[in-house]
């Protein structure tokens, strides 16, 4: 899985693309740990370029949640297609992990 970082003030957007691979469950949390040193308020994981979430990609997202769980930083997911959204909604409670459409994200954060 390819990770691309964009910064807009205190909003950090990590664009995920490709297919989850062995090691992604470490690479994504490592990137988030580096971001935490810069005092973000929100970290958004963009799923617009993910056709599906395999077990490696899901492990990466779960580990990302663990990293931010003990902080005041908001971690959210956005831009998932219908298949990925259905999977996310079965795994995560929306009350715990915001899952936004791309339009919802743009209205709130851009």
PDB file of N, CA and C in Angstrom:
ATOM      1  N   UNK A   1       0.856  -1.165   0.000  1.00  0.00           N
ATOM      2  CA  UNK A   1       0.000   0.000   0.000  1.00  0.00           C
ATOM      3  C   UNK A   1       0.902   1.226   0.000  1.00  0.00           C
ATOM      4  N   UNK A   2       0.553   2.187  -0.806  1.00  0.00           N
ATOM      5  CA  UNK A   2       1.319   3.415  -0.901  1.00  0.00           C
ATOM      6  C   UNK A   2       0.694   4.458   0.016  1.00  0.00           C
ATOM      7  N   UNK A   3       1.519   5.187   0.771  1.00  0.00           N
ATOM      8  CA  UNK A   3       1.063   6.226   1.688  1.00  0.00           C
ATOM      9  C   UNK A   3       1.616   7.570   1.233  1.00  0.00           C
ATOM     10  N   UNK A   4       0.735   8.548   1.060  1.00  0.00           N
ATOM     11  CA  UNK A   4       1.132   9.897   0.675  1.00  0.00           C
ATOM     12  C   UNK A   4       0.577  10.856   1.717  1.00  0.00           C
ATOM     13  N   UNK A   5       1.432  11.734   2.225  1.00  0.00           N
ATOM     14  CA  UNK A   5       1.033  12.654   3.282  1.00  0.00           C
ATOM     15  C   UNK A   5       0.806  14.052   2.723  1.00  0.00           C
ATOM     16  N   UNK A   6      -0.332  14.655   3.107  1.00  0.00           N
ATOM     17  CA  UNK A   6      -0.628  16.058   2.799  1.00  0.00           C
ATOM     18  C   UNK A   6      -0.886  16.761   4.121  1.00  0.00           C
ATOM     19  N   UNK A   7      -0.421  17.996   4.235  1.00  0.00           N
ATOM     20  CA  UNK A   7      -0.625  18.778   5.455  1.00  0.00           C
ATOM     21  C   UNK A   7      -1.336  20.070   5.106  1.00  0.00           C
ATOM     22  N   UNK A   8      -2.390  20.368   5.867  1.00  0.00           N
ATOM     23  CA  UNK A   8      -3.131  21.620   5.699  1.00  0.00           C
ATOM     24  C   UNK A   8      -3.354  22.195   7.093  1.00  0.00           C
ATOM     25  N   UNK A   9      -2.417  22.982   7.559  1.00  0.00           N
ATOM     26  CA  UNK A   9      -2.481  23.508   8.922  1.00  0.00           C
ATOM     27  C   UNK A   9      -2.281  22.375   9.907  1.00  0.00           C
ATOM     28  N   UNK A  10      -3.259  22.179  10.797  1.00  0.00           N
ATOM     29  CA  UNK A  10      -3.175  21.096  11.778  1.00  0.00           C
ATOM     30  C   UNK A  10      -3.923  19.844  11.319  1.00  0.00           C
ATOM     31  N   UNK A  11      -4.396  19.862  10.067  1.00  0.00           N
ATOM     32  CA  UNK A  11      -5.044  18.698   9.463  1.00  0.00           C
ATOM     33  C   UNK A  11      -4.008  17.960   8.629  1.00  0.00           C
ATOM     34  N   UNK A  12      -3.829  16.680   8.932  1.00  0.00           N
ATOM     35  CA  UNK A  12      -2.911  15.830   8.176  1.00  0.00           C
ATOM     36  C   UNK A  12      -3.742  14.771   7.456  1.00  0.00           C
ATOM     37  N   UNK A  13      -3.548  14.664   6.160  1.00  0.00           N
ATOM     38  CA  UNK A  13      -4.285  13.699   5.353  1.00  0.00           C
ATOM     39  C   UNK A  13      -3.295  12.662   4.839  1.00  0.00           C
ATOM     40  N   UNK A  14      -3.580  11.405   5.117  1.00  0.00           N
ATOM     41  CA  UNK A  14      -2.764  10.318   4.603  1.00  0.00           C
ATOM     42  C   UNK A  14      -3.586   9.625   3.527  1.00  0.00           C
ATOM     43  N   UNK A  15      -3.111   9.716   2.289  1.00  0.00           N
ATOM     44  CA  UNK A  15      -3.791   9.089   1.164  1.00  0.00           C
ATOM     45  C   UNK A  15      -3.284   7.656   1.040  1.00  0.00           C
ATOM     46  N   UNK A  16      -4.188   6.698   1.136  1.00  0.00           N
ATOM     47  CA  UNK A  16      -3.845   5.287   0.997  1.00  0.00           C
ATOM     48  C   UNK A  16      -4.215   4.846  -0.407  1.00  0.00           C
ATOM     49  N   UNK A  17      -3.320   4.127  -1.057  1.00  0.00           N
ATOM     50  CA  UNK A  17      -3.631   3.627  -2.390  1.00  0.00           C
ATOM     51  C   UNK A  17      -2.948   2.286  -2.598  1.00  0.00           C
ATOM     52  N   UNK A  18      -3.478   1.534  -3.537  1.00  0.00           N
ATOM     53  CA  UNK A  18      -2.914   0.221  -3.845  1.00  0.00           C
ATOM     54  C   UNK A  18      -3.530  -0.870  -2.993  1.00  0.00           C
ATOM     55  N   UNK A  19      -2.750  -1.905  -2.758  1.00  0.00           N
ATOM     56  CA  UNK A  19      -3.205  -3.069  -1.998  1.00  0.00           C
ATOM     57  C   UNK A  19      -2.365  -3.187  -0.743  1.00  0.00           C
ATOM     58  N   UNK A  20      -3.023  -3.514   0.362  1.00  0.00           N
ATOM     59  CA  UNK A  20      -2.289  -3.724   1.599  1.00  0.00           C
ATOM     60  C   UNK A  20      -1.289  -4.857   1.449  1.00  0.00           C
ATOM     61  N   UNK A  21      -0.099  -4.650   2.020  1.00  0.00           N
ATOM     62  CA  UNK A  21       0.965  -5.642   1.934  1.00  0.00           C
ATOM     63  C   UNK A  21       1.551  -5.873   3.315  1.00  0.00           C
ATOM     64  N   UNK A  22       2.258  -6.983   3.452  1.00  0.00           N
ATOM     65  CA  UNK A  22       2.943  -7.270   4.692  1.00  0.00           C
ATOM     66  C   UNK A  22       3.845  -6.090   5.055  1.00  0.00           C
ATOM     67  N   UNK A  23       3.773  -5.629   6.265  1.00  0.00           N
ATOM     68  CA  UNK A  23       4.574  -4.499   6.718  1.00  0.00           C
ATOM     69  C   UNK A  23       3.792  -3.204   6.813  1.00  0.00           C
ATOM     70  N   UNK A  24       2.655  -3.115   6.117  1.00  0.00           N
ATOM     71  CA  UNK A  24       1.836  -1.900   6.184  1.00  0.00           C
ATOM     72  C   UNK A  24       1.281  -1.670   7.583  1.00  0.00           C
ATOM     73  N   UNK A  25       1.074  -2.757   8.330  1.00  0.00           N
ATOM     74  CA  UNK A  25       0.541  -2.620   9.689  1.00  0.00           C
ATOM     75  C   UNK A  25       1.554  -1.932  10.603  1.00  0.00           C
ATOM     76  N   UNK A  26       2.791  -1.804  10.142  1.00  0.00           N
ATOM     77  CA  UNK A  26       3.828  -1.077  10.880  1.00  0.00           C
ATOM     78  C   UNK A  26       4.076   0.289  10.236  1.00  0.00           C
ATOM     79  N   UNK A  27       4.093   0.351   8.916  1.00  0.00           N
ATOM     80  CA  UNK A  27       4.412   1.606   8.211  1.00  0.00           C
ATOM     81  C   UNK A  27       3.404   2.712   8.486  1.00  0.00           C
ATOM     82  N   UNK A  28       2.107   2.415   8.482  1.00  0.00           N
ATOM     83  CA  UNK A  28       1.103   3.450   8.723  1.00  0.00           C
ATOM     84  C   UNK A  28       1.190   3.983  10.155  1.00  0.00           C
ATOM     85  N   UNK A  29       1.225   3.140  11.181  1.00  0.00           N
ATOM     86  CA  UNK A  29       1.388   3.675  12.542  1.00  0.00           C
ATOM     87  C   UNK A  29       2.707   4.435  12.730  1.00  0.00           C
ATOM     88  N   UNK A  30       3.781   3.991  12.076  1.00  0.00           N
ATOM     89  CA  UNK A  30       5.054   4.722  12.165  1.00  0.00           C
ATOM     90  C   UNK A  30       4.912   6.134  11.603  1.00  0.00           C
ATOM     91  N   UNK A  31       4.225   6.264  10.481  1.00  0.00           N
ATOM     92  CA  UNK A  31       3.993   7.582   9.896  1.00  0.00           C
ATOM     93  C   UNK A  31       3.158   8.438  10.850  1.00  0.00           C
ATOM     94  N   UNK A  32       2.135   7.860  11.442  1.00  0.00           N
ATOM     95  CA  UNK A  32       1.299   8.610  12.380  1.00  0.00           C
ATOM     96  C   UNK A  32       2.110   9.038  13.593  1.00  0.00           C
ATOM     97  N   UNK A  33       2.978   8.179  14.101  1.00  0.00           N
ATOM     98  CA  UNK A  33       3.838   8.562  15.232  1.00  0.00           C
ATOM     99  C   UNK A  33       4.711   9.760  14.884  1.00  0.00           C
ATOM    100  N   UNK A  34       5.213   9.826  13.657  1.00  0.00           N
ATOM    101  CA  UNK A  34       6.004  10.979  13.223  1.00  0.00           C
ATOM    102  C   UNK A  34       5.141  12.239  13.179  1.00  0.00           C
ATOM    103  N   UNK A  35       3.904  12.099  12.713  1.00  0.00           N
ATOM    104  CA  UNK A  35       2.982  13.235  12.642  1.00  0.00           C
ATOM    105  C   UNK A  35       2.661  13.751  14.042  1.00  0.00           C
ATOM    106  N   UNK A  36       2.543  12.863  15.010  1.00  0.00           N
ATOM    107  CA  UNK A  36       2.189  13.268  16.372  1.00  0.00           C
ATOM    108  C   UNK A  36       3.184  14.262  16.960  1.00  0.00           C
ATOM    109  N   UNK A  37       4.422  14.217  16.524  1.00  0.00           N
ATOM    110  CA  UNK A  37       5.429  15.169  16.987  1.00  0.00           C
ATOM    111  C   UNK A  37       5.154  16.588  16.507  1.00  0.00           C
ATOM    112  N   UNK A  38       4.290  16.738  15.527  1.00  0.00           N
ATOM    113  CA  UNK A  38       3.992  18.052  14.949  1.00  0.00           C
ATOM    114  C   UNK A  38       2.668  18.630  15.457  1.00  0.00           C
ATOM    115  N   UNK A  39       2.081  18.028  16.468  1.00  0.00           N
ATOM    116  CA  UNK A  39       0.834  18.456  17.115  1.00  0.00           C
ATOM    117  C   UNK A  39      -0.341  18.697  16.159  1.00  0.00           C
ATOM    118  N   UNK A  40      -0.760  17.673  15.461  1.00  0.00           N
ATOM    119  CA  UNK A  40      -1.964  17.807  14.621  1.00  0.00           C
ATOM    120  C   UNK A  40      -3.223  17.803  15.487  1.00  0.00           C
ATOM    121  N   UNK A  41      -4.315  18.320  14.947  1.00  0.00           N
ATOM    122  CA  UNK A  41      -5.608  18.186  15.627  1.00  0.00           C
ATOM    123  C   UNK A  41      -6.413  17.044  15.012  1.00  0.00           C
ATOM    124  N   UNK A  42      -6.203  16.814  13.709  1.00  0.00           N
ATOM    125  CA  UNK A  42      -6.946  15.782  12.988  1.00  0.00           C
ATOM    126  C   UNK A  42      -6.019  15.053  12.024  1.00  0.00           C
ATOM    127  N   UNK A  43      -6.166  13.729  12.000  1.00  0.00           N
ATOM    128  CA  UNK A  43      -5.495  12.910  10.997  1.00  0.00           C
ATOM    129  C   UNK A  43      -6.596  12.190  10.232  1.00  0.00           C
ATOM    130  N   UNK A  44      -6.615  12.404   8.929  1.00  0.00           N
ATOM    131  CA  UNK A  44      -7.637  11.798   8.073  1.00  0.00           C
ATOM    132  C   UNK A  44      -6.982  10.766   7.158  1.00  0.00           C
ATOM    133  N   UNK A  45      -7.556   9.583   7.130  1.00  0.00           N
ATOM    134  CA  UNK A  45      -7.099   8.542   6.221  1.00  0.00           C
ATOM    135  C   UNK A  45      -8.018   8.544   5.016  1.00  0.00           C
ATOM    136  N   UNK A  46      -7.472   8.911   3.857  1.00  0.00           N
ATOM    137  CA  UNK A  46      -8.250   8.942   2.622  1.00  0.00           C
ATOM    138  C   UNK A  46      -8.230   7.561   1.981  1.00  0.00           C
ATOM    139  N   UNK A  47      -9.413   7.026   1.753  1.00  0.00           N
ATOM    140  CA  UNK A  47      -9.564   5.701   1.152  1.00  0.00           C
ATOM    141  C   UNK A  47     -10.084   5.785  -0.277  1.00  0.00           C
ATOM    142  N   UNK A  48     -10.018   6.970  -0.877  1.00  0.00           N
ATOM    143  CA  UNK A  48     -10.591   7.159  -2.208  1.00  0.00           C
ATOM    144  C   UNK A  48      -9.911   6.302  -3.270  1.00  0.00           C
ATOM    145  N   UNK A  49      -8.649   5.954  -3.055  1.00  0.00           N
ATOM    146  CA  UNK A  49      -7.924   5.149  -4.044  1.00  0.00           C
ATOM    147  C   UNK A  49      -7.771   3.690  -3.625  1.00  0.00           C
ATOM    148  N   UNK A  50      -8.584   3.249  -2.677  1.00  0.00           N
ATOM    149  CA  UNK A  50      -8.549   1.856  -2.235  1.00  0.00           C
ATOM    150  C   UNK A  50      -9.796   1.146  -2.772  1.00  0.00           C
ATOM    151  N   UNK A  51      -9.610   0.172  -3.647  1.00  0.00           N
ATOM    152  CA  UNK A  51     -10.741  -0.583  -4.186  1.00  0.00           C
ATOM    153  C   UNK A  51     -11.313  -1.538  -3.154  1.00  0.00           C
ATOM    154  N   UNK A  52     -10.445  -2.055  -2.301  1.00  0.00           N
ATOM    155  CA  UNK A  52     -10.858  -2.983  -1.258  1.00  0.00           C
ATOM    156  C   UNK A  52      -9.872  -2.887  -0.109  1.00  0.00           C
ATOM    157  N   UNK A  53     -10.248  -3.404   1.042  1.00  0.00           N
ATOM    158  CA  UNK A  53      -9.342  -3.476   2.186  1.00  0.00           C
ATOM    159  C   UNK A  53      -9.079  -4.942   2.483  1.00  0.00           C
ATOM    160  N   UNK A  54      -7.871  -5.382   2.204  1.00  0.00           N
ATOM    161  CA  UNK A  54      -7.535  -6.758   2.545  1.00  0.00           C
ATOM    162  C   UNK A  54      -7.092  -6.796   4.010  1.00  0.00           C
ATOM    163  N   UNK A  55      -6.705  -7.946   4.499  1.00  0.00           N
ATOM    164  CA  UNK A  55      -6.368  -8.081   5.915  1.00  0.00           C
ATOM    165  C   UNK A  55      -5.165  -7.220   6.295  1.00  0.00           C
ATOM    166  N   UNK A  56      -4.194  -7.063   5.410  1.00  0.00           N
ATOM    167  CA  UNK A  56      -3.030  -6.231   5.713  1.00  0.00           C
ATOM    168  C   UNK A  56      -3.423  -4.761   5.846  1.00  0.00           C
ATOM    169  N   UNK A  57      -4.276  -4.283   4.956  1.00  0.00           N
ATOM    170  CA  UNK A  57      -4.735  -2.899   5.021  1.00  0.00           C
ATOM    171  C   UNK A  57      -5.593  -2.675   6.267  1.00  0.00           C
ATOM    172  N   UNK A  58      -6.449  -3.632   6.599  1.00  0.00           N
ATOM    173  CA  UNK A  58      -7.279  -3.508   7.794  1.00  0.00           C
ATOM    174  C   UNK A  58      -6.412  -3.498   9.055  1.00  0.00           C
ATOM    175  N   UNK A  59      -5.376  -4.339   9.100  1.00  0.00           N
ATOM    176  CA  UNK A  59      -4.456  -4.351  10.242  1.00  0.00           C
ATOM    177  C   UNK A  59      -3.754  -2.998  10.366  1.00  0.00           C
ATOM    178  N   UNK A  60      -3.397  -2.393   9.249  1.00  0.00           N
ATOM    179  CA  UNK A  60      -2.748  -1.082   9.272  1.00  0.00           C
ATOM    180  C   UNK A  60      -3.683  -0.035   9.867  1.00  0.00           C
ATOM    181  N   UNK A  61      -4.951  -0.042   9.464  1.00  0.00           N
ATOM    182  CA  UNK A  61      -5.927   0.916   9.989  1.00  0.00           C
ATOM    183  C   UNK A  61      -6.158   0.674  11.486  1.00  0.00           C
ATOM    184  N   UNK A  62      -6.284  -0.581  11.891  1.00  0.00           N
ATOM    185  CA  UNK A  62      -6.479  -0.891  13.314  1.00  0.00           C
ATOM    186  C   UNK A  62      -5.289  -0.416  14.145  1.00  0.00           C
ATOM    187  N   UNK A  63      -4.083  -0.627  13.655  1.00  0.00           N
ATOM    188  CA  UNK A  63      -2.899  -0.172  14.382  1.00  0.00           C
ATOM    189  C   UNK A  63      -2.816   1.347  14.416  1.00  0.00           C
ATOM    190  N   UNK A  64      -3.273   2.007  13.368  1.00  0.00           N
ATOM    191  CA  UNK A  64      -3.316   3.465  13.363  1.00  0.00           C
ATOM    192  C   UNK A  64      -4.256   3.962  14.463  1.00  0.00           C
ATOM    193  N   UNK A  65      -5.386   3.282  14.630  1.00  0.00           N
ATOM    194  CA  UNK A  65      -6.326   3.636  15.691  1.00  0.00           C
ATOM    195  C   UNK A  65      -5.699   3.458  17.067  1.00  0.00           C
ATOM    196  N   UNK A  66      -4.927   2.402  17.246  1.00  0.00           N
ATOM    197  CA  UNK A  66      -4.256   2.171  18.528  1.00  0.00           C
ATOM    198  C   UNK A  66      -3.298   3.307  18.857  1.00  0.00           C
ATOM    199  N   UNK A  67      -2.577   3.789  17.861  1.00  0.00           N
ATOM    200  CA  UNK A  67      -1.600   4.860  18.076  1.00  0.00           C
ATOM    201  C   UNK A  67      -2.289   6.128  18.565  1.00  0.00           C
ATOM    202  N   UNK A  68      -3.429   6.472  17.992  1.00  0.00           N
ATOM    203  CA  UNK A  68      -4.104   7.726  18.337  1.00  0.00           C
ATOM    204  C   UNK A  68      -5.091   7.573  19.483  1.00  0.00           C
ATOM    205  N   UNK A  69      -5.346   6.366  19.921  1.00  0.00           N
ATOM    206  CA  UNK A  69      -6.369   6.116  20.937  1.00  0.00           C
ATOM    207  C   UNK A  69      -6.107   6.861  22.241  1.00  0.00           C
ATOM    208  N   UNK A  70      -4.869   6.983  22.655  1.00  0.00           N
ATOM    209  CA  UNK A  70      -4.558   7.622  23.930  1.00  0.00           C
ATOM    210  C   UNK A  70      -4.234   9.113  23.770  1.00  0.00           C
ATOM    211  N   UNK A  71      -4.579   9.688  22.636  1.00  0.00           N
ATOM    212  CA  UNK A  71      -4.325  11.108  22.384  1.00  0.00           C
ATOM    213  C   UNK A  71      -5.653  11.844  22.237  1.00  0.00           C
ATOM    214  N   UNK A  72      -5.571  13.145  22.098  1.00  0.00           N
ATOM    215  CA  UNK A  72      -6.771  13.958  21.847  1.00  0.00           C
ATOM    216  C   UNK A  72      -6.970  14.214  20.354  1.00  0.00           C
ATOM    217  N   UNK A  73      -6.166  13.572  19.541  1.00  0.00           N
ATOM    218  CA  UNK A  73      -6.220  13.782  18.096  1.00  0.00           C
ATOM    219  C   UNK A  73      -7.374  12.984  17.494  1.00  0.00           C
ATOM    220  N   UNK A  74      -8.117  13.634  16.626  1.00  0.00           N
ATOM    221  CA  UNK A  74      -9.208  12.964  15.929  1.00  0.00           C
ATOM    222  C   UNK A  74      -8.638  12.196  14.734  1.00  0.00           C
ATOM    223  N   UNK A  75      -8.931  10.909  14.667  1.00  0.00           N
ATOM    224  CA  UNK A  75      -8.579  10.095  13.501  1.00  0.00           C
ATOM    225  C   UNK A  75      -9.874   9.742  12.800  1.00  0.00           C
ATOM    226  N   UNK A  76      -9.939  10.003  11.514  1.00  0.00           N
ATOM    227  CA  UNK A  76     -11.150   9.685  10.765  1.00  0.00           C
ATOM    228  C   UNK A  76     -10.790   9.040   9.446  1.00  0.00           C
ATOM    229  N   UNK A  77     -11.768   8.357   8.888  1.00  0.00           N
ATOM    230  CA  UNK A  77     -11.643   7.691   7.588  1.00  0.00           C
ATOM    231  C   UNK A  77     -12.624   8.361   6.638  1.00  0.00           C
ATOM    232  N   UNK A  78     -12.214   8.532   5.387  1.00  0.00           N
ATOM    233  CA  UNK A  78     -13.163   9.139   4.440  1.00  0.00           C
ATOM    234  C   UNK A  78     -12.894   8.674   3.015  1.00  0.00           C
ATOM    235  N   UNK A  79     -13.916   8.855   2.200  1.00  0.00           N
ATOM    236  CA  UNK A  79     -13.797   8.627   0.766  1.00  0.00           C
ATOM    237  C   UNK A  79     -13.845   7.179   0.323  1.00  0.00           C
ATOM    238  N   UNK A  80     -14.330   6.302   1.167  1.00  0.00           N
ATOM    239  CA  UNK A  80     -14.370   4.877   0.812  1.00  0.00           C
ATOM    240  C   UNK A  80     -15.486   4.604  -0.187  1.00  0.00           C
ATOM    241  N   UNK A  81     -15.236   3.660  -1.096  1.00  0.00           N
ATOM    242  CA  UNK A  81     -16.295   3.237  -2.012  1.00  0.00           C
ATOM    243  C   UNK A  81     -17.312   2.391  -1.243  1.00  0.00           C
ATOM    244  N   UNK A  82     -18.369   1.961  -1.899  1.00  0.00           N
ATOM    245  CA  UNK A  82     -19.456   1.257  -1.231  1.00  0.00           C
ATOM    246  C   UNK A  82     -18.989  -0.041  -0.572  1.00  0.00           C
ATOM    247  N   UNK A  83     -18.153  -0.812  -1.255  1.00  0.00           N
ATOM    248  CA  UNK A  83     -17.686  -2.083  -0.688  1.00  0.00           C
ATOM    249  C   UNK A  83     -16.826  -1.866   0.551  1.00  0.00           C
ATOM    250  N   UNK A  84     -15.905  -0.918   0.462  1.00  0.00           N
ATOM    251  CA  UNK A  84     -15.033  -0.624   1.598  1.00  0.00           C
ATOM    252  C   UNK A  84     -15.851  -0.039   2.741  1.00  0.00           C
ATOM    253  N   UNK A  85     -16.801   0.829   2.444  1.00  0.00           N
ATOM    254  CA  UNK A  85     -17.665   1.414   3.489  1.00  0.00           C
ATOM    255  C   UNK A  85     -18.434   0.345   4.243  1.00  0.00           C
ATOM    256  N   UNK A  86     -18.984  -0.616   3.517  1.00  0.00           N
ATOM    257  CA  UNK A  86     -19.736  -1.688   4.182  1.00  0.00           C
ATOM    258  C   UNK A  86     -18.835  -2.469   5.125  1.00  0.00           C
ATOM    259  N   UNK A  87     -17.625  -2.753   4.710  1.00  0.00           N
ATOM    260  CA  UNK A  87     -16.673  -3.469   5.553  1.00  0.00           C
ATOM    261  C   UNK A  87     -16.320  -2.641   6.788  1.00  0.00           C
ATOM    262  N   UNK A  88     -16.024  -1.367   6.594  1.00  0.00           N
ATOM    263  CA  UNK A  88     -15.669  -0.500   7.712  1.00  0.00           C
ATOM    264  C   UNK A  88     -16.799  -0.390   8.726  1.00  0.00           C
ATOM    265  N   UNK A  89     -18.023  -0.267   8.238  1.00  0.00           N
ATOM    266  CA  UNK A  89     -19.164  -0.136   9.133  1.00  0.00           C
ATOM    267  C   UNK A  89     -19.416  -1.401   9.942  1.00  0.00           C
ATOM    268  N   UNK A  90     -18.989  -2.549   9.434  1.00  0.00           N
ATOM    269  CA  UNK A  90     -19.120  -3.793  10.187  1.00  0.00           C
ATOM    270  C   UNK A  90     -18.030  -3.928  11.245  1.00  0.00           C
ATOM    271  N   UNK A  91     -16.875  -3.307  10.992  1.00  0.00           N
ATOM    272  CA  UNK A  91     -15.737  -3.437  11.904  1.00  0.00           C
ATOM    273  C   UNK A  91     -15.712  -2.318  12.940  1.00  0.00           C
ATOM    274  N   UNK A  92     -16.026  -1.098  12.547  1.00  0.00           N
ATOM    275  CA  UNK A  92     -15.910   0.063  13.428  1.00  0.00           C
ATOM    276  C   UNK A  92     -17.270   0.674  13.719  1.00  0.00           C
ATOM    277  N   UNK A  93     -17.455   1.150  14.942  1.00  0.00           N
ATOM    278  CA  UNK A  93     -18.633   1.923  15.290  1.00  0.00           C
ATOM    279  C   UNK A  93     -18.406   3.361  14.849  1.00  0.00           C
ATOM    280  N   UNK A  94     -19.367   3.941  14.150  1.00  0.00           N
ATOM    281  CA  UNK A  94     -19.217   5.317  13.674  1.00  0.00           C
ATOM    282  C   UNK A  94     -19.039   6.295  14.837  1.00  0.00           C
ATOM    283  N   UNK A  95     -19.563   5.955  16.018  1.00  0.00           N
ATOM    284  CA  UNK A  95     -19.409   6.821  17.182  1.00  0.00           C
ATOM    285  C   UNK A  95     -17.952   6.855  17.638  1.00  0.00           C
ATOM    286  N   UNK A  96     -17.214   5.790  17.372  1.00  0.00           N
ATOM    287  CA  UNK A  96     -15.817   5.692  17.803  1.00  0.00           C
ATOM    288  C   UNK A  96     -14.863   6.140  16.697  1.00  0.00           C
ATOM    289  N   UNK A  97     -15.148   5.754  15.478  1.00  0.00           N
ATOM    290  CA  UNK A  97     -14.305   6.101  14.334  1.00  0.00           C
ATOM    291  C   UNK A  97     -15.181   6.775  13.280  1.00  0.00           C
ATOM    292  N   UNK A  98     -15.033   8.094  13.115  1.00  0.00           N
ATOM    293  CA  UNK A  98     -15.822   8.757  12.076  1.00  0.00           C
ATOM    294  C   UNK A  98     -15.479   8.204  10.690  1.00  0.00           C
ATOM    295  N   UNK A  99     -16.514   7.813   9.959  1.00  0.00           N
ATOM    296  CA  UNK A  99     -16.366   7.334   8.589  1.00  0.00           C
ATOM    297  C   UNK A  99     -17.199   8.274   7.728  1.00  0.00           C
ATOM    298  N   UNK A 100     -16.525   9.120   6.966  1.00  0.00           N
ATOM    299  CA  UNK A 100     -17.200  10.157   6.199  1.00  0.00           C
ATOM    300  C   UNK A 100     -17.113   9.887   4.708  1.00  0.00           C
ATOM    301  N   UNK A 101     -18.123  10.363   3.990  1.00  0.00           N
ATOM    302  CA  UNK A 101     -18.021  10.359   2.529  1.00  0.00           C
ATOM    303  C   UNK A 101     -17.037  11.461   2.143  1.00  0.00           C
ATOM    304  N   UNK A 102     -16.611  11.471   0.910  1.00  0.00           N
ATOM    305  CA  UNK A 102     -15.693  12.518   0.462  1.00  0.00           C
ATOM    306  C   UNK A 102     -16.354  13.889   0.549  1.00  0.00           C
ATOM    307  N   UNK A 103     -17.646  13.966   0.203  1.00  0.00           N
ATOM    308  CA  UNK A 103     -18.374  15.236   0.295  1.00  0.00           C
ATOM    309  C   UNK A 103     -18.461  15.724   1.738  1.00  0.00           C
ATOM    310  N   UNK A 104     -18.784  14.823   2.673  1.00  0.00           N
ATOM    311  CA  UNK A 104     -18.851  15.203   4.089  1.00  0.00           C
ATOM    312  C   UNK A 104     -17.500  15.725   4.579  1.00  0.00           C
ATOM    313  N   UNK A 105     -16.438  15.034   4.192  1.00  0.00           N
ATOM    314  CA  UNK A 105     -15.099  15.459   4.590  1.00  0.00           C
ATOM    315  C   UNK A 105     -14.792  16.847   4.043  1.00  0.00           C
ATOM    316  N   UNK A 106     -15.061  17.059   2.769  1.00  0.00           N
ATOM    317  CA  UNK A 106     -14.769  18.360   2.149  1.00  0.00           C
ATOM    318  C   UNK A 106     -15.556  19.488   2.795  1.00  0.00           C
ATOM    319  N   UNK A 107     -16.820  19.237   3.149  1.00  0.00           N
ATOM    320  CA  UNK A 107     -17.642  20.253   3.804  1.00  0.00           C
ATOM    321  C   UNK A 107     -17.078  20.628   5.165  1.00  0.00           C
ATOM    322  N   UNK A 108     -16.590  19.648   5.918  1.00  0.00           N
ATOM    323  CA  UNK A 108     -16.136  19.894   7.291  1.00  0.00           C
ATOM    324  C   UNK A 108     -14.693  20.391   7.383  1.00  0.00           C
ATOM    325  N   UNK A 109     -13.826  19.937   6.480  1.00  0.00           N
ATOM    326  CA  UNK A 109     -12.399  20.138   6.686  1.00  0.00           C
ATOM    327  C   UNK A 109     -11.674  20.918   5.592  1.00  0.00           C
ATOM    328  N   UNK A 110     -12.301  21.131   4.462  1.00  0.00           N
ATOM    329  CA  UNK A 110     -11.558  21.849   3.397  1.00  0.00           C
ATOM    330  C   UNK A 110     -12.135  23.200   3.133  1.00  0.00           C
TER     331      UNK A 110
END
